[in-house]
Amino acid sequence: MTKKRSRRLRKKLHKNEFAVFGFTFSCTLSTSTDSYDGLLDNFLDFIESHHLVVGAGISSDSFDGFITSNDRYGSVSEEQKAKIEHWLSVQPACLKVHVGELVDANV
């Protein structure tokens, strides 16, 4: 059952027209890479240059996280998602890149 909410409340709750969308990503890392600091630094620079933020984790064999907009009520666009997928796929350390669909970040 859908609740009827005022515009002000929908905005506070990030619902309907105020929903914020992001996506998950994951990739398997090459075992030949000794240091992931460079990969992580370059990835963060790339993300920040597109006005996005990421919550990510990296281990010896995987790199995954969630990306959303840095703007208060902004969402990631399909174009930004494609650029990130391409960036990850051309990195020598990243194997088997998987990018998820856009989902509501506040669910």
PDB file of N, CA and C in Angstrom:
ATOM      1  N   MET A   1       0.829  -1.165   0.000  1.00  0.00           N
ATOM      2  CA  MET A   1       0.000   0.000   0.000  1.00  0.00           C
ATOM      3  C   MET A   1       0.887   1.247   0.000  1.00  0.00           C
ATOM      4  N   THR A   2       0.643   2.145  -0.936  1.00  0.00           N
ATOM      5  CA  THR A   2       1.438   3.349  -1.067  1.00  0.00           C
ATOM      6  C   THR A   2       0.939   4.413  -0.104  1.00  0.00           C
ATOM      7  N   LYS A   3       1.869   4.972   0.642  1.00  0.00           N
ATOM      8  CA  LYS A   3       1.519   6.034   1.568  1.00  0.00           C
ATOM      9  C   LYS A   3       1.545   7.359   0.848  1.00  0.00           C
ATOM     10  N   LYS A   4       0.589   8.228   1.186  1.00  0.00           N
ATOM     11  CA  LYS A   4       0.554   9.558   0.615  1.00  0.00           C
ATOM     12  C   LYS A   4       1.396  10.458   1.513  1.00  0.00           C
ATOM     13  N   ARG A   5       2.480  11.012   0.947  1.00  0.00           N
ATOM     14  CA  ARG A   5       3.387  11.844   1.717  1.00  0.00           C
ATOM     15  C   ARG A   5       3.511  13.216   1.073  1.00  0.00           C
ATOM     16  N   SER A   6       3.763  14.214   1.904  1.00  0.00           N
ATOM     17  CA  SER A   6       3.966  15.559   1.388  1.00  0.00           C
ATOM     18  C   SER A   6       5.308  15.635   0.663  1.00  0.00           C
ATOM     19  N   ARG A   7       5.443  16.632  -0.174  1.00  0.00           N
ATOM     20  CA  ARG A   7       6.690  16.848  -0.912  1.00  0.00           C
ATOM     21  C   ARG A   7       7.872  16.988   0.059  1.00  0.00           C
ATOM     22  N   ARG A   8       7.678  17.732   1.128  1.00  0.00           N
ATOM     23  CA  ARG A   8       8.723  17.948   2.124  1.00  0.00           C
ATOM     24  C   ARG A   8       9.193  16.631   2.731  1.00  0.00           C
ATOM     25  N   LEU A   9       8.250  15.765   3.064  1.00  0.00           N
ATOM     26  CA  LEU A   9       8.596  14.479   3.659  1.00  0.00           C
ATOM     27  C   LEU A   9       9.256  13.548   2.633  1.00  0.00           C
ATOM     28  N   ARG A  10       8.758  13.560   1.394  1.00  0.00           N
ATOM     29  CA  ARG A  10       9.388  12.754   0.342  1.00  0.00           C
ATOM     30  C   ARG A  10      10.834  13.175   0.136  1.00  0.00           C
ATOM     31  N   LYS A  11      11.087  14.483   0.225  1.00  0.00           N
ATOM     32  CA  LYS A  11      12.446  14.991   0.057  1.00  0.00           C
ATOM     33  C   LYS A  11      13.334  14.536   1.213  1.00  0.00           C
ATOM     34  N   LYS A  12      12.828  14.637   2.434  1.00  0.00           N
ATOM     35  CA  LYS A  12      13.603  14.210   3.605  1.00  0.00           C
ATOM     36  C   LYS A  12      13.931  12.720   3.567  1.00  0.00           C
ATOM     37  N   LEU A  13      12.993  11.928   3.057  1.00  0.00           N
ATOM     38  CA  LEU A  13      13.162  10.477   3.016  1.00  0.00           C
ATOM     39  C   LEU A  13      13.813   9.979   1.723  1.00  0.00           C
ATOM     40  N   HIS A  14      14.141  10.908   0.817  1.00  0.00           N
ATOM     41  CA  HIS A  14      14.725  10.553  -0.486  1.00  0.00           C
ATOM     42  C   HIS A  14      13.821   9.576  -1.241  1.00  0.00           C
ATOM     43  N   LYS A  15      12.554   9.880  -1.302  1.00  0.00           N
ATOM     44  CA  LYS A  15      11.573   9.023  -1.984  1.00  0.00           C
ATOM     45  C   LYS A  15      11.088   9.664  -3.277  1.00  0.00           C
ATOM     46  N   ASN A  16      10.514   8.838  -4.148  1.00  0.00           N
ATOM     47  CA  ASN A  16       9.914   9.241  -5.417  1.00  0.00           C
ATOM     48  C   ASN A  16      10.866  10.105  -6.238  1.00  0.00           C
ATOM     49  N   GLU A  17      10.506  11.354  -6.495  1.00  0.00           N
ATOM     50  CA  GLU A  17      11.332  12.209  -7.352  1.00  0.00           C
ATOM     51  C   GLU A  17      12.656  12.602  -6.702  1.00  0.00           C
ATOM     52  N   PHE A  18      12.831  12.342  -5.411  1.00  0.00           N
ATOM     53  CA  PHE A  18      14.064  12.669  -4.696  1.00  0.00           C
ATOM     54  C   PHE A  18      14.947  11.440  -4.447  1.00  0.00           C
ATOM     55  N   ALA A  19      14.600  10.324  -5.034  1.00  0.00           N
ATOM     56  CA  ALA A  19      15.394   9.103  -4.861  1.00  0.00           C
ATOM     57  C   ALA A  19      16.792   9.309  -5.451  1.00  0.00           C
ATOM     58  N   VAL A  20      17.780   8.757  -4.797  1.00  0.00           N
ATOM     59  CA  VAL A  20      19.170   8.842  -5.222  1.00  0.00           C
ATOM     60  C   VAL A  20      19.599   7.452  -5.682  1.00  0.00           C
ATOM     61  N   PHE A  21      20.135   7.364  -6.893  1.00  0.00           N
ATOM     62  CA  PHE A  21      20.504   6.078  -7.457  1.00  0.00           C
ATOM     63  C   PHE A  21      22.016   5.919  -7.558  1.00  0.00           C
ATOM     64  N   GLY A  22      22.457   4.695  -7.371  1.00  0.00           N
ATOM     65  CA  GLY A  22      23.852   4.326  -7.501  1.00  0.00           C
ATOM     66  C   GLY A  22      23.930   2.893  -7.979  1.00  0.00           C
ATOM     67  N   PHE A  23      25.135   2.333  -7.992  1.00  0.00           N
ATOM     68  CA  PHE A  23      25.291   0.960  -8.465  1.00  0.00           C
ATOM     69  C   PHE A  23      26.478   0.295  -7.786  1.00  0.00           C
ATOM     70  N   THR A  24      26.454  -1.018  -7.791  1.00  0.00           N
ATOM     71  CA  THR A  24      27.557  -1.806  -7.261  1.00  0.00           C
ATOM     72  C   THR A  24      28.503  -2.176  -8.394  1.00  0.00           C
ATOM     73  N   PHE A  25      29.739  -2.433  -8.027  1.00  0.00           N
ATOM     74  CA  PHE A  25      30.717  -2.951  -8.980  1.00  0.00           C
ATOM     75  C   PHE A  25      31.581  -3.978  -8.261  1.00  0.00           C
ATOM     76  N   SER A  26      32.142  -4.873  -9.020  1.00  0.00           N
ATOM     77  CA  SER A  26      33.086  -5.838  -8.469  1.00  0.00           C
ATOM     78  C   SER A  26      34.003  -6.317  -9.581  1.00  0.00           C
ATOM     79  N   CYS A  27      35.197  -6.679  -9.192  1.00  0.00           N
ATOM     80  CA  CYS A  27      36.114  -7.270 -10.156  1.00  0.00           C
ATOM     81  C   CYS A  27      37.125  -8.140  -9.425  1.00  0.00           C
ATOM     82  N   THR A  28      37.551  -9.137 -10.131  1.00  0.00           N
ATOM     83  CA  THR A  28      38.603 -10.006  -9.631  1.00  0.00           C
ATOM     84  C   THR A  28      39.925  -9.349  -9.977  1.00  0.00           C
ATOM     85  N   LEU A  29      40.854  -9.377  -9.037  1.00  0.00           N
ATOM     86  CA  LEU A  29      42.145  -8.740  -9.272  1.00  0.00           C
ATOM     87  C   LEU A  29      43.187  -9.752  -9.698  1.00  0.00           C
ATOM     88  N   SER A  30      44.091  -9.299 -10.526  1.00  0.00           N
ATOM     89  CA  SER A  30      45.193 -10.125 -10.998  1.00  0.00           C
ATOM     90  C   SER A  30      46.089 -10.474  -9.826  1.00  0.00           C
ATOM     91  N   THR A  31      46.505 -11.715  -9.761  1.00  0.00           N
ATOM     92  CA  THR A  31      47.385 -12.149  -8.666  1.00  0.00           C
ATOM     93  C   THR A  31      48.811 -11.653  -8.859  1.00  0.00           C
ATOM     94  N   SER A  32      49.130 -11.170 -10.053  1.00  0.00           N
ATOM     95  CA  SER A  32      50.492 -10.703 -10.307  1.00  0.00           C
ATOM     96  C   SER A  32      50.730  -9.283  -9.795  1.00  0.00           C
ATOM     97  N   THR A  33      49.669  -8.591  -9.411  1.00  0.00           N
ATOM     98  CA  THR A  33      49.816  -7.226  -8.920  1.00  0.00           C
ATOM     99  C   THR A  33      50.235  -7.254  -7.455  1.00  0.00           C
ATOM    100  N   ASP A  34      51.353  -6.602  -7.152  1.00  0.00           N
ATOM    101  CA  ASP A  34      51.864  -6.583  -5.789  1.00  0.00           C
ATOM    102  C   ASP A  34      51.239  -5.478  -4.946  1.00  0.00           C
ATOM    103  N   SER A  35      51.027  -4.317  -5.545  1.00  0.00           N
ATOM    104  CA  SER A  35      50.513  -3.188  -4.789  1.00  0.00           C
ATOM    105  C   SER A  35      49.227  -2.680  -5.429  1.00  0.00           C
ATOM    106  N   TYR A  36      48.209  -2.539  -4.608  1.00  0.00           N
ATOM    107  CA  TYR A  36      46.927  -2.051  -5.097  1.00  0.00           C
ATOM    108  C   TYR A  36      46.739  -0.573  -4.778  1.00  0.00           C
ATOM    109  N   ASP A  37      47.739   0.034  -4.125  1.00  0.00           N
ATOM    110  CA  ASP A  37      47.641   1.451  -3.780  1.00  0.00           C
ATOM    111  C   ASP A  37      47.473   2.326  -5.013  1.00  0.00           C
ATOM    112  N   GLY A  38      48.246   2.055  -6.048  1.00  0.00           N
ATOM    113  CA  GLY A  38      48.165   2.831  -7.283  1.00  0.00           C
ATOM    114  C   GLY A  38      46.806   2.698  -7.945  1.00  0.00           C
ATOM    115  N   LEU A  39      46.299   1.485  -7.989  1.00  0.00           N
ATOM    116  CA  LEU A  39      44.982   1.247  -8.573  1.00  0.00           C
ATOM    117  C   LEU A  39      43.911   2.012  -7.800  1.00  0.00           C
ATOM    118  N   LEU A  40      43.946   1.918  -6.496  1.00  0.00           N
ATOM    119  CA  LEU A  40      42.959   2.580  -5.667  1.00  0.00           C
ATOM    120  C   LEU A  40      43.055   4.097  -5.777  1.00  0.00           C
ATOM    121  N   ASP A  41      44.259   4.652  -5.761  1.00  0.00           N
ATOM    122  CA  ASP A  41      44.442   6.098  -5.900  1.00  0.00           C
ATOM    123  C   ASP A  41      43.925   6.604  -7.241  1.00  0.00           C
ATOM    124  N   ASN A  42      44.264   5.902  -8.315  1.00  0.00           N
ATOM    125  CA  ASN A  42      43.803   6.304  -9.647  1.00  0.00           C
ATOM    126  C   ASN A  42      42.286   6.189  -9.767  1.00  0.00           C
ATOM    127  N   PHE A  43      41.723   5.140  -9.173  1.00  0.00           N
ATOM    128  CA  PHE A  43      40.271   4.954  -9.214  1.00  0.00           C
ATOM    129  C   PHE A  43      39.575   6.084  -8.462  1.00  0.00           C
ATOM    130  N   LEU A  44      40.072   6.433  -7.294  1.00  0.00           N
ATOM    131  CA  LEU A  44      39.465   7.517  -6.518  1.00  0.00           C
ATOM    132  C   LEU A  44      39.554   8.851  -7.255  1.00  0.00           C
ATOM    133  N   ASP A  45      40.671   9.112  -7.904  1.00  0.00           N
ATOM    134  CA  ASP A  45      40.809  10.336  -8.699  1.00  0.00           C
ATOM    135  C   ASP A  45      39.795  10.351  -9.835  1.00  0.00           C
ATOM    136  N   PHE A  46      39.629   9.223 -10.501  1.00  0.00           N
ATOM    137  CA  PHE A  46      38.671   9.115 -11.600  1.00  0.00           C
ATOM    138  C   PHE A  46      37.241   9.336 -11.106  1.00  0.00           C
ATOM    139  N   ILE A  47      36.891   8.715  -9.999  1.00  0.00           N
ATOM    140  CA  ILE A  47      35.548   8.843  -9.426  1.00  0.00           C
ATOM    141  C   ILE A  47      35.270  10.289  -9.033  1.00  0.00           C
ATOM    142  N   GLU A  48      36.203  10.905  -8.324  1.00  0.00           N
ATOM    143  CA  GLU A  48      36.022  12.281  -7.867  1.00  0.00           C
ATOM    144  C   GLU A  48      35.936  13.264  -9.029  1.00  0.00           C
ATOM    145  N   SER A  49      36.618  12.998 -10.125  1.00  0.00           N
ATOM    146  CA  SER A  49      36.558  13.886 -11.290  1.00  0.00           C
ATOM    147  C   SER A  49      35.178  13.879 -11.941  1.00  0.00           C
ATOM    148  N   HIS A  50      34.374  12.869 -11.648  1.00  0.00           N
ATOM    149  CA  HIS A  50      33.009  12.782 -12.170  1.00  0.00           C
ATOM    150  C   HIS A  50      31.971  13.159 -11.107  1.00  0.00           C
ATOM    151  N   HIS A  51      32.411  13.771 -10.010  1.00  0.00           N
ATOM    152  CA  HIS A  51      31.539  14.214  -8.911  1.00  0.00           C
ATOM    153  C   HIS A  51      30.745  13.056  -8.310  1.00  0.00           C
ATOM    154  N   LEU A  52      31.440  11.945  -8.112  1.00  0.00           N
ATOM    155  CA  LEU A  52      30.838  10.756  -7.520  1.00  0.00           C
ATOM    156  C   LEU A  52      31.588  10.401  -6.239  1.00  0.00           C
ATOM    157  N   VAL A  53      30.985   9.542  -5.432  1.00  0.00           N
ATOM    158  CA  VAL A  53      31.640   9.009  -4.236  1.00  0.00           C
ATOM    159  C   VAL A  53      31.519   7.495  -4.262  1.00  0.00           C
ATOM    160  N   VAL A  54      32.448   6.848  -3.557  1.00  0.00           N
ATOM    161  CA  VAL A  54      32.474   5.386  -3.556  1.00  0.00           C
ATOM    162  C   VAL A  54      32.741   4.882  -2.149  1.00  0.00           C
ATOM    163  N   GLY A  55      32.091   3.808  -1.823  1.00  0.00           N
ATOM    164  CA  GLY A  55      32.420   3.027  -0.637  1.00  0.00           C
ATOM    165  C   GLY A  55      32.914   1.703  -1.174  1.00  0.00           C
ATOM    166  N   ALA A  56      34.180   1.398  -0.934  1.00  0.00           N
ATOM    167  CA  ALA A  56      34.765   0.219  -1.581  1.00  0.00           C
ATOM    168  C   ALA A  56      35.668  -0.545  -0.632  1.00  0.00           C
ATOM    169  N   GLY A  57      35.919  -1.774  -1.013  1.00  0.00           N
ATOM    170  CA  GLY A  57      36.839  -2.632  -0.291  1.00  0.00           C
ATOM    171  C   GLY A  57      37.749  -3.320  -1.285  1.00  0.00           C
ATOM    172  N   ILE A  58      38.980  -3.528  -0.878  1.00  0.00           N
ATOM    173  CA  ILE A  58      39.934  -4.188  -1.758  1.00  0.00           C
ATOM    174  C   ILE A  58      40.692  -5.231  -0.942  1.00  0.00           C
ATOM    175  N   SER A  59      40.869  -6.387  -1.533  1.00  0.00           N
ATOM    176  CA  SER A  59      41.637  -7.445  -0.880  1.00  0.00           C
ATOM    177  C   SER A  59      42.625  -7.995  -1.897  1.00  0.00           C
ATOM    178  N   SER A  60      43.282  -9.067  -1.563  1.00  0.00           N
ATOM    179  CA  SER A  60      44.295  -9.618  -2.457  1.00  0.00           C
ATOM    180  C   SER A  60      43.723 -10.163  -3.765  1.00  0.00           C
ATOM    181  N   ASP A  61      42.439 -10.489  -3.783  1.00  0.00           N
ATOM    182  CA  ASP A  61      41.878 -11.056  -5.009  1.00  0.00           C
ATOM    183  C   ASP A  61      40.602 -10.388  -5.511  1.00  0.00           C
ATOM    184  N   SER A  62      40.074  -9.383  -4.801  1.00  0.00           N
ATOM    185  CA  SER A  62      38.850  -8.735  -5.283  1.00  0.00           C
ATOM    186  C   SER A  62      38.803  -7.256  -4.910  1.00  0.00           C
ATOM    187  N   PHE A  63      38.021  -6.528  -5.697  1.00  0.00           N
ATOM    188  CA  PHE A  63      37.820  -5.098  -5.504  1.00  0.00           C
ATOM    189  C   PHE A  63      36.352  -4.852  -5.788  1.00  0.00           C
ATOM    190  N   ASP A  64      35.606  -4.369  -4.798  1.00  0.00           N
ATOM    191  CA  ASP A  64      34.186  -4.127  -5.023  1.00  0.00           C
ATOM    192  C   ASP A  64      33.701  -2.979  -4.153  1.00  0.00           C
ATOM    193  N   GLY A  65      32.520  -2.437  -4.536  1.00  0.00           N
ATOM    194  CA  GLY A  65      31.979  -1.320  -3.792  1.00  0.00           C
ATOM    195  C   GLY A  65      30.682  -0.811  -4.376  1.00  0.00           C
ATOM    196  N   PHE A  66      30.265   0.350  -3.868  1.00  0.00           N
ATOM    197  CA  PHE A  66      29.030   1.008  -4.302  1.00  0.00           C
ATOM    198  C   PHE A  66      29.359   2.447  -4.644  1.00  0.00           C
ATOM    199  N   ILE A  67      28.853   2.920  -5.782  1.00  0.00           N
ATOM    200  CA  ILE A  67      29.125   4.281  -6.261  1.00  0.00           C
ATOM    201  C   ILE A  67      27.815   5.039  -6.359  1.00  0.00           C
ATOM    202  N   THR A  68      27.833   6.285  -5.872  1.00  0.00           N
ATOM    203  CA  THR A  68      26.677   7.168  -5.986  1.00  0.00           C
ATOM    204  C   THR A  68      27.168   8.595  -6.213  1.00  0.00           C
ATOM    205  N   SER A  69      26.238   9.503  -6.419  1.00  0.00           N
ATOM    206  CA  SER A  69      26.586  10.888  -6.704  1.00  0.00           C
ATOM    207  C   SER A  69      27.056  11.616  -5.454  1.00  0.00           C
ATOM    208  N   ASN A  70      27.927  12.571  -5.643  1.00  0.00           N
ATOM    209  CA  ASN A  70      28.387  13.413  -4.548  1.00  0.00           C
ATOM    210  C   ASN A  70      27.399  14.551  -4.278  1.00  0.00           C
ATOM    211  N   ASP A  71      26.474  14.791  -5.209  1.00  0.00           N
ATOM    212  CA  ASP A  71      25.462  15.825  -5.040  1.00  0.00           C
ATOM    213  C   ASP A  71      24.372  15.336  -4.093  1.00  0.00           C
ATOM    214  N   ARG A  72      23.808  16.238  -3.329  1.00  0.00           N
ATOM    215  CA  ARG A  72      22.848  15.845  -2.291  1.00  0.00           C
ATOM    216  C   ARG A  72      21.672  15.044  -2.839  1.00  0.00           C
ATOM    217  N   TYR A  73      21.073  15.497  -3.910  1.00  0.00           N
ATOM    218  CA  TYR A  73      19.953  14.773  -4.505  1.00  0.00           C
ATOM    219  C   TYR A  73      20.283  14.291  -5.913  1.00  0.00           C
ATOM    220  N   GLY A  74      21.561  14.098  -6.178  1.00  0.00           N
ATOM    221  CA  GLY A  74      21.993  13.654  -7.490  1.00  0.00           C
ATOM    222  C   GLY A  74      22.065  12.140  -7.580  1.00  0.00           C
ATOM    223  N   SER A  75      22.006  11.652  -8.778  1.00  0.00           N
ATOM    224  CA  SER A  75      22.112  10.221  -9.042  1.00  0.00           C
ATOM    225  C   SER A  75      23.174   9.979 -10.100  1.00  0.00           C
ATOM    226  N   VAL A  76      23.667   8.773 -10.134  1.00  0.00           N
ATOM    227  CA  VAL A  76      24.614   8.370 -11.170  1.00  0.00           C
ATOM    228  C   VAL A  76      23.839   8.193 -12.472  1.00  0.00           C
ATOM    229  N   SER A  77      24.388   8.684 -13.563  1.00  0.00           N
ATOM    230  CA  SER A  77      23.746   8.512 -14.865  1.00  0.00           C
ATOM    231  C   SER A  77      24.246   7.229 -15.521  1.00  0.00           C
ATOM    232  N   GLU A  78      23.518   6.769 -16.512  1.00  0.00           N
ATOM    233  CA  GLU A  78      23.942   5.587 -17.276  1.00  0.00           C
ATOM    234  C   GLU A  78      25.281   5.857 -17.970  1.00  0.00           C
ATOM    235  N   GLU A  79      25.483   7.100 -18.402  1.00  0.00           N
ATOM    236  CA  GLU A  79      26.733   7.473 -19.065  1.00  0.00           C
ATOM    237  C   GLU A  79      27.911   7.373 -18.089  1.00  0.00           C
ATOM    238  N   GLN A  80      27.739   7.869 -16.868  1.00  0.00           N
ATOM    239  CA  GLN A  80      28.789   7.768 -15.860  1.00  0.00           C
ATOM    240  C   GLN A  80      29.075   6.308 -15.522  1.00  0.00           C
ATOM    241  N   LYS A  81      28.022   5.530 -15.413  1.00  0.00           N
ATOM    242  CA  LYS A  81      28.180   4.105 -15.109  1.00  0.00           C
ATOM    243  C   LYS A  81      28.986   3.406 -16.204  1.00  0.00           C
ATOM    244  N   ALA A  82      28.697   3.730 -17.461  1.00  0.00           N
ATOM    245  CA  ALA A  82      29.427   3.132 -18.584  1.00  0.00           C
ATOM    246  C   ALA A  82      30.897   3.544 -18.569  1.00  0.00           C
ATOM    247  N   LYS A  83      31.181   4.810 -18.223  1.00  0.00           N
ATOM    248  CA  LYS A  83      32.565   5.276 -18.158  1.00  0.00           C
ATOM    249  C   LYS A  83      33.342   4.540 -17.071  1.00  0.00           C
ATOM    250  N   ILE A  84      32.712   4.320 -15.936  1.00  0.00           N
ATOM    251  CA  ILE A  84      33.376   3.612 -14.845  1.00  0.00           C
ATOM    252  C   ILE A  84      33.620   2.161 -15.214  1.00  0.00           C
ATOM    253  N   GLU A  85      32.629   1.538 -15.843  1.00  0.00           N
ATOM    254  CA  GLU A  85      32.801   0.154 -16.284  1.00  0.00           C
ATOM    255  C   GLU A  85      33.957   0.048 -17.281  1.00  0.00           C
ATOM    256  N   HIS A  86      34.020   0.989 -18.203  1.00  0.00           N
ATOM    257  CA  HIS A  86      35.105   0.978 -19.186  1.00  0.00           C
ATOM    258  C   HIS A  86      36.456   1.188 -18.500  1.00  0.00           C
ATOM    259  N   TRP A  87      36.514   2.149 -17.566  1.00  0.00           N
ATOM    260  CA  TRP A  87      37.771   2.424 -16.867  1.00  0.00           C
ATOM    261  C   TRP A  87      38.273   1.178 -16.145  1.00  0.00           C
ATOM    262  N   LEU A  88      37.378   0.509 -15.440  1.00  0.00           N
ATOM    263  CA  LEU A  88      37.773  -0.712 -14.722  1.00  0.00           C
ATOM    264  C   LEU A  88      38.231  -1.808 -15.676  1.00  0.00           C
ATOM    265  N   SER A  89      37.525  -1.942 -16.802  1.00  0.00           N
ATOM    266  CA  SER A  89      37.833  -3.037 -17.728  1.00  0.00           C
ATOM    267  C   SER A  89      39.172  -2.858 -18.440  1.00  0.00           C
ATOM    268  N   VAL A  90      39.681  -1.641 -18.545  1.00  0.00           N
ATOM    269  CA  VAL A  90      40.965  -1.436 -19.226  1.00  0.00           C
ATOM    270  C   VAL A  90      42.149  -1.456 -18.254  1.00  0.00           C
ATOM    271  N   GLN A  91      41.890  -1.596 -16.971  1.00  0.00           N
ATOM    272  CA  GLN A  91      42.974  -1.670 -15.996  1.00  0.00           C
ATOM    273  C   GLN A  91      43.586  -3.070 -16.040  1.00  0.00           C
ATOM    274  N   PRO A  92      44.912  -3.162 -16.152  1.00  0.00           N
ATOM    275  CA  PRO A  92      45.562  -4.477 -16.227  1.00  0.00           C
ATOM    276  C   PRO A  92      45.336  -5.333 -14.980  1.00  0.00           C
ATOM    277  N   ALA A  93      45.169  -4.710 -13.830  1.00  0.00           N
ATOM    278  CA  ALA A  93      44.995  -5.462 -12.577  1.00  0.00           C
ATOM    279  C   ALA A  93      43.573  -5.987 -12.409  1.00  0.00           C
ATOM    280  N   CYS A  94      42.613  -5.438 -13.156  1.00  0.00           N
ATOM    281  CA  CYS A  94      41.203  -5.827 -12.989  1.00  0.00           C
ATOM    282  C   CYS A  94      40.794  -6.881 -14.009  1.00  0.00           C
ATOM    283  N   LEU A  95      40.320  -7.999 -13.509  1.00  0.00           N
ATOM    284  CA  LEU A  95      39.808  -9.079 -14.346  1.00  0.00           C
ATOM    285  C   LEU A  95      38.332  -9.275 -14.002  1.00  0.00           C
ATOM    286  N   LYS A  96      37.555  -9.805 -14.916  1.00  0.00           N
ATOM    287  CA  LYS A  96      36.148 -10.132 -14.677  1.00  0.00           C
ATOM    288  C   LYS A  96      35.391  -8.991 -13.995  1.00  0.00           C
ATOM    289  N   VAL A  97      35.273  -7.873 -14.678  1.00  0.00           N
ATOM    290  CA  VAL A  97      34.574  -6.696 -14.145  1.00  0.00           C
ATOM    291  C   VAL A  97      33.072  -6.903 -14.266  1.00  0.00           C
ATOM    292  N   HIS A  98      32.357  -6.633 -13.184  1.00  0.00           N
ATOM    293  CA  HIS A  98      30.900  -6.713 -13.179  1.00  0.00           C
ATOM    294  C   HIS A  98      30.343  -5.425 -12.566  1.00  0.00           C
ATOM    295  N   VAL A  99      29.429  -4.783 -13.317  1.00  0.00           N
ATOM    296  CA  VAL A  99      28.788  -3.553 -12.861  1.00  0.00           C
ATOM    297  C   VAL A  99      27.285  -3.822 -12.773  1.00  0.00           C
ATOM    298  N   GLY A 100      26.702  -3.517 -11.626  1.00  0.00           N
ATOM    299  CA  GLY A 100      25.282  -3.771 -11.409  1.00  0.00           C
ATOM    300  C   GLY A 100      24.399  -2.691 -11.992  1.00  0.00           C
ATOM    301  N   GLU A 101      23.108  -2.905 -11.887  1.00  0.00           N
ATOM    302  CA  GLU A 101      22.107  -1.953 -12.353  1.00  0.00           C
ATOM    303  C   GLU A 101      21.992  -0.793 -11.365  1.00  0.00           C
ATOM    304  N   LEU A 102      21.447   0.337 -11.846  1.00  0.00           N
ATOM    305  CA  LEU A 102      21.192   1.451 -10.956  1.00  0.00           C
ATOM    306  C   LEU A 102      20.085   1.071  -9.978  1.00  0.00           C
ATOM    307  N   VAL A 103      20.337   1.298  -8.696  1.00  0.00           N
ATOM    308  CA  VAL A 103      19.370   0.985  -7.637  1.00  0.00           C
ATOM    309  C   VAL A 103      19.264   2.162  -6.691  1.00  0.00           C
ATOM    310  N   ASP A 104      18.168   2.229  -5.970  1.00  0.00           N
ATOM    311  CA  ASP A 104      17.963   3.274  -4.974  1.00  0.00           C
ATOM    312  C   ASP A 104      18.982   3.088  -3.855  1.00  0.00           C
ATOM    313  N   ALA A 105      19.786   4.113  -3.623  1.00  0.00           N
ATOM    314  CA  ALA A 105      20.849   4.022  -2.619  1.00  0.00           C
ATOM    315  C   ALA A 105      20.323   4.059  -1.202  1.00  0.00           C
ATOM    316  N   ASN A 106      19.081   4.455  -1.007  1.00  0.00           N
ATOM    317  CA  ASN A 106      18.532   4.610   0.340  1.00  0.00           C
ATOM    318  C   ASN A 106      17.557   3.518   0.720  1.00  0.00           C
ATOM    319  N   VAL A 107      17.602   2.411   0.029  1.00  0.00           N
ATOM    320  CA  VAL A 107      16.693   1.304   0.366  1.00  0.00           C
ATOM    321  C   VAL A 107      17.398   0.344   1.294  1.00  0.00           C
TER     322      VAL A 107
END
